[in-house]
Amino acid sequence: LNVTNVNTNSFGLIYTRPVDDQIYAQPLIMTNVDIPGRGTHNLVIVATVNDTVYAFDADDPGVTEPYWPNSFINPPNIVAPANSDLSALGSCGGNYNDFSGNMGIVGTPVIDPNTGTLYVVARTKEYGTTFAQRLHALDLRTGQERPGSPVVITGTYNGTGDGNVNGILTFDPVRQNQRAGLSLVNGVIYITWSSHCDLGPYHGWIMGYDATNLNRVVVYNDTPNGVDGGIWMSGEGI
């Protein structure tokens, strides 16, 4: 970008598109995706806090509808968790406002360009009481789940830190905030967590999942004998 190509003739707003909620995750671009029955296109991938992922045409203002959306909720039984759920647990003294509403997908997804796969973590509240975080692997051509996807994110770690039970720390899908972007390194999808308004017990978790089969291959806790070790990264990948 420079003063010759950033101008009103060649740089600026191309179009706007409606989505179903706020966007915290960074939108991503994937080039030369072969959409079944639609040809090859560049895509803008957008994920919302209502647990929806969209694939829009990156270039053509005339293609107003997404090539595909994929939603990970099924109201009223499966919905995105909201700030009110954390308020009910006492986060920020019962007035949790770091989010103004839903917080289903917050961390930026990551794309494997070699396989055309999008990896994203979606959080859900199910049947009123159960909270879950899942790693999804989506085919960029269709938005459909890859075989073996999604997987429920779970983990334990030895330690005497805050929240341990008999020397074991267990990953908490409610309190652990999946804020940082996902990273793909040497075939492993790395995911990190921090907190919601320092609502304990929480720790800084890192987990790695094999990109080919979504088997968990790495679990790390940065404060196993302590407390409050959140990994924030200002939203970037680790």
Protein backbone atom coordinates (compact mmCIF):
# COMPACT_ATOMS: atom_id res chain seq x y z
CA LEU A 1 0.00 0.00 0.00
CA ASN A 2 1.32 3.44 -0.94
CA VAL A 3 0.10 6.86 -2.05
CA THR A 4 -0.31 5.69 -5.64
CA ASN A 5 -2.62 2.75 -5.02
CA VAL A 6 -4.50 3.95 -1.93
CA ASN A 7 -7.01 6.32 -3.49
CA THR A 8 -10.71 6.62 -4.22
CA ASN A 9 -10.34 4.83 -7.56
CA SER A 10 -8.61 1.65 -6.39
CA PHE A 11 -8.88 1.38 -2.61
CA GLY A 12 -11.78 1.53 -0.17
CA LEU A 13 -15.11 0.00 0.71
CA ILE A 14 -16.21 -2.70 -1.74
CA TYR A 15 -19.51 -3.73 -0.17
CA THR A 16 -21.32 -4.39 3.10
CA ARG A 17 -22.95 -7.66 4.16
CA PRO A 18 -25.39 -8.45 6.98
CA VAL A 19 -24.39 -11.05 9.58
CA ASP A 20 -26.23 -12.35 12.62
CA ASP A 21 -24.18 -10.74 15.42
CA GLN A 22 -20.99 -8.91 16.35
CA ILE A 23 -17.60 -9.88 14.91
CA TYR A 24 -14.68 -10.17 17.34
CA ALA A 25 -12.56 -12.65 15.37
CA GLN A 26 -10.38 -11.26 12.59
CA PRO A 27 -11.91 -11.92 9.15
CA LEU A 28 -9.71 -14.12 6.96
CA ILE A 29 -9.04 -14.33 3.22
CA MET A 30 -8.59 -17.57 1.27
CA THR A 31 -7.79 -17.36 -2.43
CA ASN A 32 -8.69 -19.68 -5.29
CA VAL A 33 -11.29 -21.84 -3.55
CA ASP A 34 -13.17 -24.23 -5.85
CA ILE A 35 -16.81 -23.86 -4.79
CA PRO A 36 -18.86 -26.87 -5.97
CA GLY A 37 -21.03 -25.78 -8.88
CA ARG A 38 -19.92 -22.13 -8.56
CA GLY A 39 -16.36 -22.08 -9.87
CA THR A 40 -13.16 -20.78 -8.28
CA HIS A 41 -13.38 -17.71 -6.05
CA ASN A 42 -11.54 -15.75 -3.39
CA LEU A 43 -13.35 -15.90 -0.06
CA VAL A 44 -13.73 -13.68 2.99
CA ILE A 45 -14.32 -15.85 6.06
CA VAL A 46 -16.28 -14.13 8.84
CA ALA A 47 -17.15 -15.63 12.25
CA THR A 48 -19.63 -14.08 14.67
CA VAL A 49 -20.21 -14.28 18.41
CA ASN A 50 -23.49 -16.06 17.63
CA ASP A 51 -21.48 -19.12 16.53
CA THR A 52 -21.94 -18.61 12.78
CA VAL A 53 -19.25 -18.74 10.10
CA TYR A 54 -19.84 -17.17 6.66
CA ALA A 55 -17.94 -17.45 3.39
CA PHE A 56 -18.48 -14.33 1.24
CA ASP A 57 -17.13 -13.60 -2.21
CA ALA A 58 -14.06 -11.41 -1.66
CA ASP A 59 -14.23 -9.53 -4.96
CA ASP A 60 -17.66 -9.37 -6.59
CA PRO A 61 -20.17 -6.93 -5.05
CA GLY A 62 -22.88 -8.64 -7.11
CA VAL A 63 -22.62 -11.90 -5.17
CA THR A 64 -24.62 -10.73 -2.18
CA GLU A 65 -25.32 -14.07 -0.50
CA PRO A 66 -22.57 -16.10 1.17
CA TYR A 67 -21.40 -19.19 -0.68
CA TRP A 68 -22.14 -20.94 2.56
CA PRO A 69 -22.90 -20.24 6.20
CA ASN A 70 -22.49 -22.74 9.00
CA SER A 71 -24.16 -22.27 12.37
CA PHE A 72 -23.16 -24.23 15.46
CA ILE A 73 -26.29 -23.44 17.47
CA ASN A 74 -29.80 -24.89 17.54
CA PRO A 75 -32.09 -22.66 19.63
CA PRO A 76 -33.59 -22.88 22.13
CA ASN A 77 -31.59 -25.86 23.37
CA ILE A 78 -28.15 -24.95 22.01
CA VAL A 79 -27.21 -21.26 21.97
CA ALA A 80 -24.13 -19.08 22.22
CA PRO A 81 -23.11 -18.21 25.79
CA ALA A 82 -23.63 -14.59 26.77
CA ASN A 83 -22.17 -12.05 29.16
CA SER A 84 -25.16 -12.65 31.43
CA ASP A 85 -23.98 -16.22 31.99
CA LEU A 86 -20.70 -14.93 33.41
CA SER A 87 -22.49 -12.27 35.43
CA ALA A 88 -24.55 -15.05 37.02
CA LEU A 89 -21.28 -16.68 38.14
CA GLY A 90 -20.10 -13.43 39.74
CA SER A 91 -17.73 -12.19 37.07
CA CYS A 92 -16.93 -8.47 37.59
CA GLY A 93 -19.06 -8.52 40.72
CA GLY A 94 -22.06 -9.79 38.80
CA ASN A 95 -21.91 -7.11 36.10
CA TYR A 96 -19.76 -8.63 33.38
CA ASN A 97 -19.58 -6.22 30.44
CA ASP A 98 -16.38 -7.17 28.60
CA PHE A 99 -18.84 -8.49 26.03
CA SER A 100 -22.13 -6.72 25.37
CA GLY A 101 -23.97 -9.93 24.55
CA ASN A 102 -23.02 -13.27 23.00
CA MET A 103 -19.49 -14.68 22.95
CA GLY A 104 -19.71 -17.85 20.88
CA ILE A 105 -16.71 -17.41 18.55
CA VAL A 106 -14.15 -14.91 19.80
CA GLY A 107 -10.72 -16.27 18.90
CA THR A 108 -9.66 -15.78 15.26
CA PRO A 109 -9.82 -19.03 13.25
CA VAL A 110 -6.88 -20.38 11.27
CA ILE A 111 -6.77 -21.78 7.72
CA ASP A 112 -4.64 -24.61 6.38
CA PRO A 113 -4.20 -23.58 2.72
CA ASN A 114 -2.77 -26.98 1.78
CA THR A 115 -5.95 -28.86 2.68
CA GLY A 116 -8.45 -26.02 2.36
CA THR A 117 -9.56 -26.46 5.96
CA LEU A 118 -10.75 -23.79 8.39
CA TYR A 119 -10.25 -24.45 12.11
CA VAL A 120 -12.38 -22.53 14.61
CA VAL A 121 -13.33 -22.81 18.29
CA ALA A 122 -17.02 -22.31 19.05
CA ARG A 123 -18.51 -22.02 22.53
CA THR A 124 -22.07 -23.12 23.27
CA LYS A 125 -24.55 -23.21 26.14
CA GLU A 126 -26.64 -26.35 25.94
CA TYR A 127 -29.98 -27.16 27.57
CA GLY A 128 -29.65 -24.25 29.96
CA THR A 129 -26.85 -25.57 32.16
CA THR A 130 -24.09 -27.23 30.13
CA PHE A 131 -21.26 -25.21 28.60
CA ALA A 132 -18.95 -26.59 25.94
CA GLN A 133 -16.10 -25.48 23.72
CA ARG A 134 -15.49 -27.38 20.49
CA LEU A 135 -12.83 -27.34 17.81
CA HIS A 136 -14.36 -27.47 14.34
CA ALA A 137 -12.59 -28.31 11.09
CA LEU A 138 -14.58 -27.04 8.09
CA ASP A 139 -14.13 -27.68 4.38
CA LEU A 140 -13.60 -24.21 2.91
CA ARG A 141 -15.41 -25.22 -0.29
CA THR A 142 -18.69 -26.08 1.44
CA GLY A 143 -18.48 -25.09 5.10
CA GLN A 144 -19.24 -28.67 6.11
CA GLU A 145 -17.47 -30.47 8.93
CA ARG A 146 -14.45 -32.57 8.05
CA PRO A 147 -14.54 -36.23 9.19
CA GLY A 148 -14.07 -36.43 12.94
CA SER A 149 -15.13 -32.82 13.45
CA PRO A 150 -16.03 -31.29 15.83
CA VAL A 151 -14.29 -32.42 19.01
CA VAL A 152 -15.18 -31.28 22.52
CA ILE A 153 -12.20 -29.55 24.13
CA THR A 154 -11.20 -31.13 27.43
CA GLY A 155 -8.00 -31.36 29.41
CA THR A 156 -6.41 -32.04 32.77
CA TYR A 157 -3.04 -31.13 34.26
CA ASN A 158 -1.21 -32.13 37.42
CA GLY A 159 -0.90 -29.33 39.94
CA THR A 160 -1.83 -27.88 43.28
CA GLY A 161 -3.00 -24.54 41.86
CA ASP A 162 -6.30 -22.78 42.22
CA GLY A 163 -9.26 -25.07 41.58
CA ASN A 164 -7.37 -28.36 41.76
CA VAL A 165 -9.08 -31.47 43.04
CA ASN A 166 -6.70 -33.99 44.57
CA GLY A 167 -3.79 -32.52 42.64
CA ILE A 168 -5.58 -32.39 39.27
CA LEU A 169 -6.59 -29.23 37.39
CA THR A 170 -9.49 -29.67 34.98
CA PHE A 171 -10.19 -27.35 32.04
CA ASP A 172 -13.32 -25.28 32.70
CA PRO A 173 -15.24 -24.41 29.49
CA VAL A 174 -17.19 -21.67 31.29
CA ARG A 175 -14.44 -19.65 32.93
CA GLN A 176 -11.70 -20.14 30.33
CA ASN A 177 -11.93 -17.40 27.67
CA GLN A 178 -10.79 -18.51 24.21
CA ARG A 179 -9.67 -15.05 23.12
CA ALA A 180 -6.34 -15.41 21.31
CA GLY A 181 -6.21 -16.46 17.66
CA LEU A 182 -5.60 -20.07 16.73
CA SER A 183 -2.20 -21.03 15.30
CA LEU A 184 -1.26 -23.83 12.88
CA VAL A 185 2.36 -24.94 13.38
CA ASN A 186 3.87 -28.15 11.98
CA GLY A 187 0.50 -29.83 11.60
CA VAL A 188 -0.79 -28.91 15.07
CA ILE A 189 -3.63 -26.49 15.84
CA TYR A 190 -2.68 -24.54 18.98
CA ILE A 191 -5.42 -22.98 21.11
CA THR A 192 -4.94 -20.80 24.19
CA TRP A 193 -7.16 -19.46 26.95
CA SER A 194 -7.39 -16.73 29.55
CA SER A 195 -10.23 -15.54 31.80
CA HIS A 196 -13.41 -13.50 31.97
CA CYS A 197 -12.78 -10.48 34.21
CA ASP A 198 -10.34 -12.57 36.28
CA LEU A 199 -13.15 -14.86 37.46
CA GLY A 200 -11.36 -17.71 39.18
CA PRO A 201 -10.31 -20.34 39.30
CA TYR A 202 -8.62 -19.94 35.93
CA HIS A 203 -5.26 -20.66 34.37
CA GLY A 204 -3.39 -20.12 31.13
CA TRP A 205 -4.07 -23.24 29.10
CA ILE A 206 -2.46 -24.23 25.81
CA MET A 207 -3.78 -27.22 23.89
CA GLY A 208 -2.69 -28.63 20.57
CA TYR A 209 -4.76 -30.78 18.22
CA ASP A 210 -3.51 -32.80 15.27
CA ALA A 211 -4.81 -31.01 12.18
CA THR A 212 -5.43 -34.26 10.31
CA ASN A 213 -7.57 -36.14 12.83
CA LEU A 214 -8.27 -33.61 15.65
CA ASN A 215 -6.65 -35.82 18.25
CA ARG A 216 -5.32 -33.79 21.15
CA VAL A 217 -1.53 -34.02 21.27
CA VAL A 218 -0.52 -31.17 23.62
CA VAL A 219 -1.81 -29.96 27.00
CA TYR A 220 0.04 -27.26 28.94
CA ASN A 221 -0.93 -25.17 31.95
CA ASP A 222 1.29 -22.19 32.75
CA THR A 223 0.34 -21.88 36.46
CA PRO A 224 -0.21 -25.48 37.60
CA ASN A 225 0.76 -24.64 41.17
CA GLY A 226 -0.53 -21.08 41.10
CA VAL A 227 -3.35 -18.93 39.78
CA ASP A 228 -4.40 -16.44 37.09
CA GLY A 229 -1.98 -17.34 34.30
CA GLY A 230 -4.17 -16.27 31.39
CA ILE A 231 -2.71 -16.11 27.86
CA TRP A 232 -4.20 -13.06 26.13
CA MET A 233 -1.97 -12.17 23.14
CA SER A 234 -4.12 -9.07 22.45
CA GLY A 235 -6.22 -11.37 20.28
CA GLU A 236 -3.30 -12.53 18.11
CA GLY A 237 -2.16 -16.12 17.70
CA ILE A 238 0.26 -17.43 20.29
